[in-house]
Amino acid sequence: MGDAQKLMIAVGGMFAVGFIMVGANKEKSTAELEAESMIRNTAAMREMAGQKCPKAIQDRTGDQVFFPSGTDTDNATYVTMKWVGEKTDHFKTASCTLHVTLGGISHLEIDDKVLIDKKI
């Protein structure tokens, strides 16, 4: 066997070892998969709440809200966003809860007046 053939076999072997190493590193544990799933679920809940809640508040008060002053979540089933109105707004406080199981707003409260209250 010539030197050129030995070199080609060595390079081919290195490629094979590299592919095996990359393939082995891509396997994820169950805990990692669960953590990634929880992060995606929480992000989807917050995105949905960020779209639906401000629209519901604007529809009822005429004021557009942007950034919540506080949020509360269990990172699995619900997210609650709260806003504090400014001097020019037509509301003082607003709270909106979105439940994933309902696929929408389950509780909307503006100035201590409950406007939406769906039971889960």
C-alpha atoms as a PDB file:
ATOM      1  CA  MET A   1       0.000   0.000   0.000  1.00  0.00           C
ATOM      2  CA  GLY A   2       1.427   3.363  -1.019  1.00  0.00           C
ATOM      3  CA  ASP A   3       1.722   6.514   1.086  1.00  0.00           C
ATOM      4  CA  ALA A   4      -1.077   8.214  -0.850  1.00  0.00           C
ATOM      5  CA  GLN A   5      -3.488   5.362  -0.061  1.00  0.00           C
ATOM      6  CA  LYS A   6      -2.531   5.422   3.645  1.00  0.00           C
ATOM      7  CA  LEU A   7      -3.137   9.174   3.740  1.00  0.00           C
ATOM      8  CA  MET A   8      -6.569   8.793   2.091  1.00  0.00           C
ATOM      9  CA  ILE A   9      -7.566   6.081   4.603  1.00  0.00           C
ATOM     10  CA  ALA A  10      -6.360   8.241   7.522  1.00  0.00           C
ATOM     11  CA  VAL A  11      -8.368  11.252   6.284  1.00  0.00           C
ATOM     12  CA  GLY A  12     -11.451   9.046   5.773  1.00  0.00           C
ATOM     13  CA  GLY A  13     -11.038   7.644   9.296  1.00  0.00           C
ATOM     14  CA  MET A  14     -10.823  11.144  10.756  1.00  0.00           C
ATOM     15  CA  PHE A  15     -14.024  12.125   8.960  1.00  0.00           C
ATOM     16  CA  ALA A  16     -15.779   9.026  10.325  1.00  0.00           C
ATOM     17  CA  VAL A  17     -14.623   9.749  13.896  1.00  0.00           C
ATOM     18  CA  GLY A  18     -15.771  13.365  13.536  1.00  0.00           C
ATOM     19  CA  PHE A  19     -19.244  12.360  12.341  1.00  0.00           C
ATOM     20  CA  ILE A  20     -19.577   9.889  15.214  1.00  0.00           C
ATOM     21  CA  MET A  21     -18.530  12.521  17.771  1.00  0.00           C
ATOM     22  CA  VAL A  22     -20.973  15.112  16.406  1.00  0.00           C
ATOM     23  CA  GLY A  23     -23.777  12.552  16.313  1.00  0.00           C
ATOM     24  CA  ALA A  24     -23.124  11.463  19.902  1.00  0.00           C
ATOM     25  CA  ASN A  25     -23.094  15.060  21.153  1.00  0.00           C
ATOM     26  CA  LYS A  26     -26.484  15.832  19.589  1.00  0.00           C
ATOM     27  CA  GLU A  27     -28.299  13.289  21.765  1.00  0.00           C
ATOM     28  CA  LYS A  28     -30.146  15.065  24.568  1.00  0.00           C
ATOM     29  CA  SER A  29     -31.232  13.745  27.905  1.00  0.00           C
ATOM     30  CA  THR A  30     -34.865  13.622  28.949  1.00  0.00           C
ATOM     31  CA  ALA A  31     -34.285  16.455  31.426  1.00  0.00           C
ATOM     32  CA  GLU A  32     -32.847  18.675  28.679  1.00  0.00           C
ATOM     33  CA  LEU A  33     -35.793  17.923  26.386  1.00  0.00           C
ATOM     34  CA  GLU A  34     -38.277  18.714  29.180  1.00  0.00           C
ATOM     35  CA  ALA A  35     -36.511  21.996  29.985  1.00  0.00           C
ATOM     36  CA  GLU A  36     -36.555  23.041  26.326  1.00  0.00           C
ATOM     37  CA  SER A  37     -40.241  22.160  26.086  1.00  0.00           C
ATOM     38  CA  MET A  38     -41.066  24.231  29.173  1.00  0.00           C
ATOM     39  CA  ILE A  39     -39.164  27.215  27.783  1.00  0.00           C
ATOM     40  CA  ARG A  40     -41.026  26.983  24.443  1.00  0.00           C
ATOM     41  CA  ASN A  41     -44.377  26.651  26.245  1.00  0.00           C
ATOM     42  CA  THR A  42     -43.701  29.655  28.474  1.00  0.00           C
ATOM     43  CA  ALA A  43     -42.579  31.750  25.503  1.00  0.00           C
ATOM     44  CA  ALA A  44     -45.702  30.793  23.542  1.00  0.00           C
ATOM     45  CA  MET A  45     -47.951  31.691  26.501  1.00  0.00           C
ATOM     46  CA  ARG A  46     -46.291  35.063  26.950  1.00  0.00           C
ATOM     47  CA  GLU A  47     -46.485  35.792  23.238  1.00  0.00           C
ATOM     48  CA  MET A  48     -50.180  34.904  23.114  1.00  0.00           C
ATOM     49  CA  ALA A  49     -50.892  36.993  26.222  1.00  0.00           C
ATOM     50  CA  GLY A  50     -48.856  39.849  24.755  1.00  0.00           C
ATOM     51  CA  GLN A  51     -51.120  39.838  21.709  1.00  0.00           C
ATOM     52  CA  LYS A  52     -54.552  39.195  23.226  1.00  0.00           C
ATOM     53  CA  CYS A  53     -54.448  41.098  26.528  1.00  0.00           C
ATOM     54  CA  PRO A  54     -53.451  44.561  25.212  1.00  0.00           C
ATOM     55  CA  LYS A  55     -56.109  44.239  22.488  1.00  0.00           C
ATOM     56  CA  ALA A  56     -58.794  43.331  25.049  1.00  0.00           C
ATOM     57  CA  ILE A  57     -57.810  46.262  27.265  1.00  0.00           C
ATOM     58  CA  GLN A  58     -57.802  48.654  24.320  1.00  0.00           C
ATOM     59  CA  ASP A  59     -61.220  47.413  23.175  1.00  0.00           C
ATOM     60  CA  ARG A  60     -62.704  48.134  26.612  1.00  0.00           C
ATOM     61  CA  THR A  61     -60.879  51.343  27.600  1.00  0.00           C
ATOM     62  CA  GLY A  62     -59.752  52.907  24.331  1.00  0.00           C
ATOM     63  CA  ASP A  63     -56.204  53.136  25.701  1.00  0.00           C
ATOM     64  CA  GLN A  64     -53.356  51.226  24.166  1.00  0.00           C
ATOM     65  CA  VAL A  65     -51.052  49.462  26.634  1.00  0.00           C
ATOM     66  CA  PHE A  66     -47.570  48.288  25.821  1.00  0.00           C
ATOM     67  CA  PHE A  67     -45.367  46.947  28.606  1.00  0.00           C
ATOM     68  CA  PRO A  68     -46.886  45.267  31.656  1.00  0.00           C
ATOM     69  CA  SER A  69     -45.828  46.555  35.063  1.00  0.00           C
ATOM     70  CA  GLY A  70     -45.785  42.994  36.394  1.00  0.00           C
ATOM     71  CA  THR A  71     -46.298  39.386  35.409  1.00  0.00           C
ATOM     72  CA  ASP A  72     -47.080  36.168  37.253  1.00  0.00           C
ATOM     73  CA  THR A  73     -46.917  32.655  35.833  1.00  0.00           C
ATOM     74  CA  ASP A  74     -46.507  29.022  36.800  1.00  0.00           C
ATOM     75  CA  ASN A  75     -44.542  28.449  33.552  1.00  0.00           C
ATOM     76  CA  ALA A  76     -46.919  25.663  32.547  1.00  0.00           C
ATOM     77  CA  THR A  77     -50.578  26.661  32.399  1.00  0.00           C
ATOM     78  CA  TYR A  78     -51.169  30.395  32.861  1.00  0.00           C
ATOM     79  CA  VAL A  79     -49.650  33.845  32.666  1.00  0.00           C
ATOM     80  CA  THR A  80     -51.070  36.970  34.325  1.00  0.00           C
ATOM     81  CA  MET A  81     -50.045  40.427  33.148  1.00  0.00           C
ATOM     82  CA  LYS A  82     -50.771  43.628  35.064  1.00  0.00           C
ATOM     83  CA  TRP A  83     -50.713  47.219  33.894  1.00  0.00           C
ATOM     84  CA  VAL A  84     -50.884  50.511  35.774  1.00  0.00           C
ATOM     85  CA  GLY A  85     -52.572  53.324  33.878  1.00  0.00           C
ATOM     86  CA  GLU A  86     -50.987  56.706  33.424  1.00  0.00           C
ATOM     87  CA  LYS A  87     -52.637  60.061  34.129  1.00  0.00           C
ATOM     88  CA  THR A  88     -54.000  60.323  30.589  1.00  0.00           C
ATOM     89  CA  ASP A  89     -55.392  56.765  30.510  1.00  0.00           C
ATOM     90  CA  HIS A  90     -59.020  55.873  31.157  1.00  0.00           C
ATOM     91  CA  PHE A  91     -58.115  53.188  33.705  1.00  0.00           C
ATOM     92  CA  LYS A  92     -56.017  52.928  36.846  1.00  0.00           C
ATOM     93  CA  THR A  93     -55.155  49.231  36.883  1.00  0.00           C
ATOM     94  CA  ALA A  94     -55.702  46.300  34.555  1.00  0.00           C
ATOM     95  CA  SER A  95     -55.030  42.611  35.017  1.00  0.00           C
ATOM     96  CA  CYS A  96     -55.305  39.939  32.354  1.00  0.00           C
ATOM     97  CA  THR A  97     -54.855  36.175  32.805  1.00  0.00           C
ATOM     98  CA  LEU A  98     -54.402  33.817  29.882  1.00  0.00           C
ATOM     99  CA  HIS A  99     -54.762  30.042  30.360  1.00  0.00           C
ATOM    100  CA  VAL A 100     -53.289  27.682  27.802  1.00  0.00           C
ATOM    101  CA  THR A 101     -56.082  25.139  28.309  1.00  0.00           C
ATOM    102  CA  LEU A 102     -58.647  27.728  27.189  1.00  0.00           C
ATOM    103  CA  GLY A 103     -56.462  29.088  24.430  1.00  0.00           C
ATOM    104  CA  GLY A 104     -57.357  32.603  25.400  1.00  0.00           C
ATOM    105  CA  ILE A 105     -58.148  35.091  28.140  1.00  0.00           C
ATOM    106  CA  SER A 106     -59.691  33.507  31.208  1.00  0.00           C
ATOM    107  CA  HIS A 107     -59.795  36.580  33.452  1.00  0.00           C
ATOM    108  CA  LEU A 108     -59.807  40.290  32.652  1.00  0.00           C
ATOM    109  CA  GLU A 109     -60.138  42.889  35.371  1.00  0.00           C
ATOM    110  CA  ILE A 110     -59.998  46.640  34.852  1.00  0.00           C
ATOM    111  CA  ASP A 111     -60.225  48.982  37.859  1.00  0.00           C
ATOM    112  CA  ASP A 112     -61.412  46.128  40.119  1.00  0.00           C
ATOM    113  CA  LYS A 113     -64.276  45.386  37.730  1.00  0.00           C
ATOM    114  CA  VAL A 114     -64.259  41.818  36.361  1.00  0.00           C
ATOM    115  CA  LEU A 115     -65.041  41.882  32.635  1.00  0.00           C
ATOM    116  CA  ILE A 116     -64.105  38.296  31.715  1.00  0.00           C
ATOM    117  CA  ASP A 117     -64.203  35.384  34.128  1.00  0.00           C
ATOM    118  CA  LYS A 118     -64.081  31.949  32.524  1.00  0.00           C
ATOM    119  CA  LYS A 119     -63.799  28.915  34.756  1.00  0.00           C
ATOM    120  CA  ILE A 120     -61.293  26.222  33.920  1.00  0.00           C
END
